[in-house]
C-alpha atoms as a PDB file:
ATOM      1  CA  MET A   1      -2.333 -40.030 -23.228  1.00  0.00           C
ATOM      2  CA  ASP A   2      -5.499 -38.363 -21.917  1.00  0.00           C
ATOM      3  CA  ILE A   3      -4.246 -38.536 -18.355  1.00  0.00           C
ATOM      4  CA  ALA A   4      -0.953 -36.899 -19.391  1.00  0.00           C
ATOM      5  CA  ILE A   5      -2.854 -34.000 -21.016  1.00  0.00           C
ATOM      6  CA  VAL A   6      -4.920 -33.534 -17.863  1.00  0.00           C
ATOM      7  CA  CYS A   7      -1.807 -33.598 -15.656  1.00  0.00           C
ATOM      8  CA  VAL A   8       0.086 -31.107 -17.837  1.00  0.00           C
ATOM      9  CA  LEU A   9      -2.877 -28.709 -18.007  1.00  0.00           C
ATOM     10  CA  LEU A  10      -3.360 -28.949 -14.261  1.00  0.00           C
ATOM     11  CA  ALA A  11       0.342 -28.374 -13.547  1.00  0.00           C
ATOM     12  CA  VAL A  12       0.488 -25.365 -15.893  1.00  0.00           C
ATOM     13  CA  GLY A  13      -2.667 -23.961 -14.309  1.00  0.00           C
ATOM     14  CA  VAL A  14      -1.244 -24.278 -10.790  1.00  0.00           C
ATOM     15  CA  VAL A  15       2.033 -22.619 -11.871  1.00  0.00           C
ATOM     16  CA  PHE A  16       0.123 -19.708 -13.413  1.00  0.00           C
ATOM     17  CA  PHE A  17      -1.985 -19.364 -10.262  1.00  0.00           C
ATOM     18  CA  LEU A  18       1.155 -19.269  -8.115  1.00  0.00           C
ATOM     19  CA  LEU A  19       2.671 -16.620 -10.384  1.00  0.00           C
ATOM     20  CA  GLU A  20      -0.508 -14.584 -10.066  1.00  0.00           C
ATOM     21  CA  LEU A  21      -0.717 -15.012  -6.321  1.00  0.00           C
ATOM     22  CA  PHE A  22       2.880 -14.238  -5.373  1.00  0.00           C
ATOM     23  CA  LEU A  23       4.565 -12.322  -8.192  1.00  0.00           C
ATOM     24  CA  LEU A  24       2.078 -10.402 -10.320  1.00  0.00           C
ATOM     25  CA  PRO A  25      -0.204  -7.805  -8.707  1.00  0.00           C
ATOM     26  CA  GLY A  26      -3.912  -7.673  -9.467  1.00  0.00           C
ATOM     27  CA  ILE A  27      -5.740  -9.805 -11.992  1.00  0.00           C
ATOM     28  CA  SER A  28      -3.400 -10.356 -14.914  1.00  0.00           C
ATOM     29  CA  VAL A  29      -2.772 -12.704 -17.802  1.00  0.00           C
ATOM     30  CA  ALA A  30      -1.282 -15.309 -15.454  1.00  0.00           C
ATOM     31  CA  GLY A  31      -4.472 -15.519 -13.390  1.00  0.00           C
ATOM     32  CA  VAL A  32      -6.657 -15.841 -16.452  1.00  0.00           C
ATOM     33  CA  ALA A  33      -4.288 -18.419 -17.978  1.00  0.00           C
ATOM     34  CA  GLY A  34      -4.263 -20.389 -14.721  1.00  0.00           C
ATOM     35  CA  LEU A  35      -8.052 -20.375 -14.614  1.00  0.00           C
ATOM     36  CA  LEU A  36      -8.312 -21.453 -18.246  1.00  0.00           C
ATOM     37  CA  CYS A  37      -5.711 -24.227 -17.940  1.00  0.00           C
ATOM     38  CA  THR A  38      -7.197 -25.608 -14.726  1.00  0.00           C
ATOM     39  CA  GLY A  39     -10.707 -25.408 -16.128  1.00  0.00           C
ATOM     40  CA  ALA A  40      -9.594 -27.082 -19.350  1.00  0.00           C
ATOM     41  CA  ALA A  41      -7.949 -29.896 -17.365  1.00  0.00           C
ATOM     42  CA  ILE A  42     -11.136 -30.515 -15.375  1.00  0.00           C
ATOM     43  CA  VAL A  43     -13.420 -30.371 -18.431  1.00  0.00           C
ATOM     44  CA  TYR A  44     -11.058 -32.583 -20.453  1.00  0.00           C
ATOM     45  CA  ALA A  45     -10.976 -35.128 -17.638  1.00  0.00           C
ATOM     46  CA  TYR A  46     -14.782 -35.200 -17.366  1.00  0.00           C
ATOM     47  CA  VAL A  47     -15.342 -35.434 -21.145  1.00  0.00           C
ATOM     48  CA  TYR A  48     -12.562 -37.747 -22.312  1.00  0.00           C
ATOM     49  CA  VAL A  49     -11.585 -39.800 -19.265  1.00  0.00           C
ATOM     50  CA  GLY A  50     -14.802 -40.053 -17.250  1.00  0.00           C
ATOM     51  CA  ALA A  51     -16.773 -38.638 -14.348  1.00  0.00           C
ATOM     52  CA  TRP A  52     -14.589 -40.293 -11.736  1.00  0.00           C
ATOM     53  CA  ALA A  53     -11.436 -38.832 -13.325  1.00  0.00           C
ATOM     54  CA  GLY A  54     -13.071 -35.409 -13.611  1.00  0.00           C
ATOM     55  CA  THR A  55     -13.989 -35.373  -9.928  1.00  0.00           C
ATOM     56  CA  LEU A  56     -10.534 -36.643  -9.017  1.00  0.00           C
ATOM     57  CA  THR A  57      -8.967 -33.903 -11.170  1.00  0.00           C
ATOM     58  CA  LEU A  58     -11.101 -31.251  -9.491  1.00  0.00           C
ATOM     59  CA  LEU A  59     -10.289 -32.394  -5.953  1.00  0.00           C
ATOM     60  CA  GLY A  60      -6.680 -33.173  -6.827  1.00  0.00           C
ATOM     61  CA  GLY A  61      -6.234 -29.754  -8.407  1.00  0.00           C
ATOM     62  CA  LEU A  62      -7.510 -28.043  -5.276  1.00  0.00           C
ATOM     63  CA  ALA A  63      -5.266 -30.183  -3.087  1.00  0.00           C
ATOM     64  CA  ILE A  64      -2.206 -29.599  -5.281  1.00  0.00           C
ATOM     65  CA  PHE A  65      -2.882 -25.858  -5.327  1.00  0.00           C
ATOM     66  CA  ALA A  66      -3.237 -25.757  -1.535  1.00  0.00           C
ATOM     67  CA  LEU A  67      -0.049 -27.786  -1.061  1.00  0.00           C
ATOM     68  CA  MET A  68       1.897 -25.601  -3.490  1.00  0.00           C
ATOM     69  CA  VAL A  69       0.770 -22.411  -1.712  1.00  0.00           C
ATOM     70  CA  TRP A  70       1.700 -23.943   1.653  1.00  0.00           C
ATOM     71  CA  TRP A  71       5.099 -25.052   0.330  1.00  0.00           C
ATOM     72  CA  PHE A  72       5.797 -21.688  -1.291  1.00  0.00           C
ATOM     73  CA  MET A  73       4.896 -19.829   1.914  1.00  0.00           C
ATOM     74  CA  ARG A  74       7.237 -22.050   3.951  1.00  0.00           C
ATOM     75  CA  SER A  75      10.120 -21.837   1.481  1.00  0.00           C
ATOM     76  CA  LYS A  76      12.747 -19.109   1.632  1.00  0.00           C
ATOM     77  CA  ALA A  77      11.609 -17.707  -1.719  1.00  0.00           C
ATOM     78  CA  LEU A  78       9.391 -15.083  -0.107  1.00  0.00           C
ATOM     79  CA  ASP A  79      12.209 -14.004   2.215  1.00  0.00           C
ATOM     80  CA  LYS A  80      14.396 -13.322  -0.809  1.00  0.00           C
ATOM     81  CA  MET A  81      11.672 -11.190  -2.433  1.00  0.00           C
ATOM     82  CA  MET A  82      10.771  -9.277   0.715  1.00  0.00           C
ATOM     83  CA  LEU A  83      12.011  -5.735   1.304  1.00  0.00           C
ATOM     84  CA  LYS A  84      13.648  -5.675   4.709  1.00  0.00           C
ATOM     85  CA  THR A  85      15.112  -2.200   4.919  1.00  0.00           C
ATOM     86  CA  GLU A  86      13.984   0.298   7.519  1.00  0.00           C
ATOM     87  CA  ILE A  87      13.525   3.996   7.071  1.00  0.00           C
ATOM     88  CA  LYS A  88      15.466   5.621   9.858  1.00  0.00           C
ATOM     89  CA  GLY A  89      15.275   9.217   8.704  1.00  0.00           C
ATOM     90  CA  LYS A  90      12.651  11.640   9.864  1.00  0.00           C
ATOM     91  CA  VAL A  91      11.358  14.982   8.763  1.00  0.00           C
ATOM     92  CA  ASP A  92      11.659  17.774  11.276  1.00  0.00           C
ATOM     93  CA  PRO A  93      10.455  20.965   9.593  1.00  0.00           C
ATOM     94  CA  LEU A  94      11.179  23.106  12.660  1.00  0.00           C
ATOM     95  CA  GLU A  95      14.732  21.830  13.131  1.00  0.00           C
ATOM     96  CA  GLY A  96      17.034  24.729  13.906  1.00  0.00           C
ATOM     97  CA  VAL A  97      14.140  27.186  14.209  1.00  0.00           C
ATOM     98  CA  HIS A  98      13.728  28.829  17.597  1.00  0.00           C
ATOM     99  CA  VAL A  99      10.073  29.701  18.067  1.00  0.00           C
ATOM    100  CA  LYS A 100       8.250  29.948  21.382  1.00  0.00           C
ATOM    101  CA  PRO A 101       4.734  30.904  22.439  1.00  0.00           C
ATOM    102  CA  GLY A 102       4.259  34.662  22.323  1.00  0.00           C
ATOM    103  CA  ASP A 103       6.498  35.245  19.273  1.00  0.00           C
ATOM    104  CA  THR A 104       4.913  37.305  16.505  1.00  0.00           C
ATOM    105  CA  GLY A 105       5.066  36.974  12.764  1.00  0.00           C
ATOM    106  CA  THR A 106       3.154  37.536   9.537  1.00  0.00           C
ATOM    107  CA  ALA A 107       0.890  35.248   7.540  1.00  0.00           C
ATOM    108  CA  LEU A 108       2.516  34.546   4.162  1.00  0.00           C
ATOM    109  CA  SER A 109      -0.597  32.849   2.845  1.00  0.00           C
ATOM    110  CA  ARG A 110      -4.202  32.689   3.920  1.00  0.00           C
ATOM    111  CA  LEU A 111      -4.582  30.460   6.977  1.00  0.00           C
ATOM    112  CA  ALA A 112      -7.776  28.567   6.287  1.00  0.00           C
ATOM    113  CA  PRO A 113      -7.134  27.128   8.888  1.00  0.00           C
ATOM    114  CA  MET A 114      -3.610  26.074   7.765  1.00  0.00           C
ATOM    115  CA  GLY A 115      -1.035  27.956   5.770  1.00  0.00           C
ATOM    116  CA  LYS A 116       2.443  29.475   5.833  1.00  0.00           C
ATOM    117  CA  VAL A 117       3.731  32.112   8.235  1.00  0.00           C
ATOM    118  CA  ILE A 118       7.057  33.808   8.776  1.00  0.00           C
ATOM    119  CA  ILE A 119       8.207  34.034  12.392  1.00  0.00           C
ATOM    120  CA  ASN A 120      11.714  35.092  13.477  1.00  0.00           C
ATOM    121  CA  ASN A 121      12.802  35.162   9.787  1.00  0.00           C
ATOM    122  CA  ALA A 122      11.836  31.501   9.348  1.00  0.00           C
ATOM    123  CA  THR A 123       9.015  30.250   7.123  1.00  0.00           C
ATOM    124  CA  MET A 124       6.909  27.457   8.613  1.00  0.00           C
ATOM    125  CA  GLU A 125       3.546  25.755   8.489  1.00  0.00           C
ATOM    126  CA  ALA A 126       0.962  27.184  10.857  1.00  0.00           C
ATOM    127  CA  LYS A 127      -2.595  26.410  11.844  1.00  0.00           C
ATOM    128  CA  THR A 128      -5.330  28.234  13.678  1.00  0.00           C
ATOM    129  CA  ASN A 129      -8.112  27.158  16.021  1.00  0.00           C
ATOM    130  CA  GLY A 130     -10.542  27.130  13.120  1.00  0.00           C
ATOM    131  CA  GLU A 131     -10.500  30.823  12.250  1.00  0.00           C
ATOM    132  CA  PHE A 132      -9.410  32.151   8.878  1.00  0.00           C
ATOM    133  CA  ILE A 133      -6.547  34.637   8.794  1.00  0.00           C
ATOM    134  CA  ASP A 134      -5.806  36.585   5.617  1.00  0.00           C
ATOM    135  CA  GLN A 135      -2.385  36.987   4.056  1.00  0.00           C
ATOM    136  CA  GLY A 136      -0.287  39.799   5.563  1.00  0.00           C
ATOM    137  CA  VAL A 137      -2.023  39.804   8.965  1.00  0.00           C
ATOM    138  CA  GLU A 138       0.206  39.755  12.047  1.00  0.00           C
ATOM    139  CA  VAL A 139      -0.048  36.551  14.070  1.00  0.00           C
ATOM    140  CA  VAL A 140       0.973  35.451  17.548  1.00  0.00           C
ATOM    141  CA  VAL A 141       2.251  31.943  18.362  1.00  0.00           C
ATOM    142  CA  LEU A 142       0.078  30.123  20.914  1.00  0.00           C
ATOM    143  CA  GLU A 143       1.778  26.692  20.854  1.00  0.00           C
ATOM    144  CA  VAL A 144       4.736  25.077  19.117  1.00  0.00           C
ATOM    145  CA  TYR A 145       4.333  21.509  17.820  1.00  0.00           C
ATOM    146  CA  SER A 146       6.917  19.245  16.218  1.00  0.00           C
ATOM    147  CA  THR A 147       5.806  20.010  12.649  1.00  0.00           C
ATOM    148  CA  ASN A 148       3.938  23.332  12.857  1.00  0.00           C
ATOM    149  CA  VAL A 149       2.780  26.124  15.149  1.00  0.00           C
ATOM    150  CA  LEU A 150      -0.635  27.166  16.434  1.00  0.00           C
ATOM    151  CA  VAL A 151      -1.297  30.873  15.864  1.00  0.00           C
ATOM    152  CA  GLN A 152      -4.031  33.464  16.115  1.00  0.00           C
ATOM    153  CA  ALA A 153      -4.398  36.930  14.671  1.00  0.00           C
ATOM    154  CA  ARG A 154      -2.608  39.518  16.784  1.00  0.00           C
ATOM    155  CA  SER A 155      -5.605  41.863  16.952  1.00  0.00           C
ATOM    156  CA  GLU A 156      -7.690  39.167  18.677  1.00  0.00           C
ATOM    157  CA  ARG A 157      -5.311  38.843  21.572  1.00  0.00           C
END
């Protein structure tokens, strides 16, 4: 009967550890329950069955846990849980906007060193070469990137 109690506690502990490892994020009730059940199985084996059984339970528990992790990793269970979709969309904030170096506009917000500008009746993200440009100041486009434009104050040009 004592051996059956040890085996059941060890099996429940390994199941809880597997739940914690593969299904539940972080340290949760399953991890604590797995630790308690496995620890109880080892202590019970040492106290009620003997030192040899306790050592065998400890080593056997580690081996069973390692085998169960190996088996679970090789099974198709993880493939069924895995997200396999791809994100094919992309964000192109300057799509349809025709801006080229030399175009002028106005700062809609303070560029410190990034902010919003309006150029050719289109609002877009802009950045400077480190300078601060106040709201309402005229700006000139130096370069056009895929997501924003590089500008400087018009008076500095």
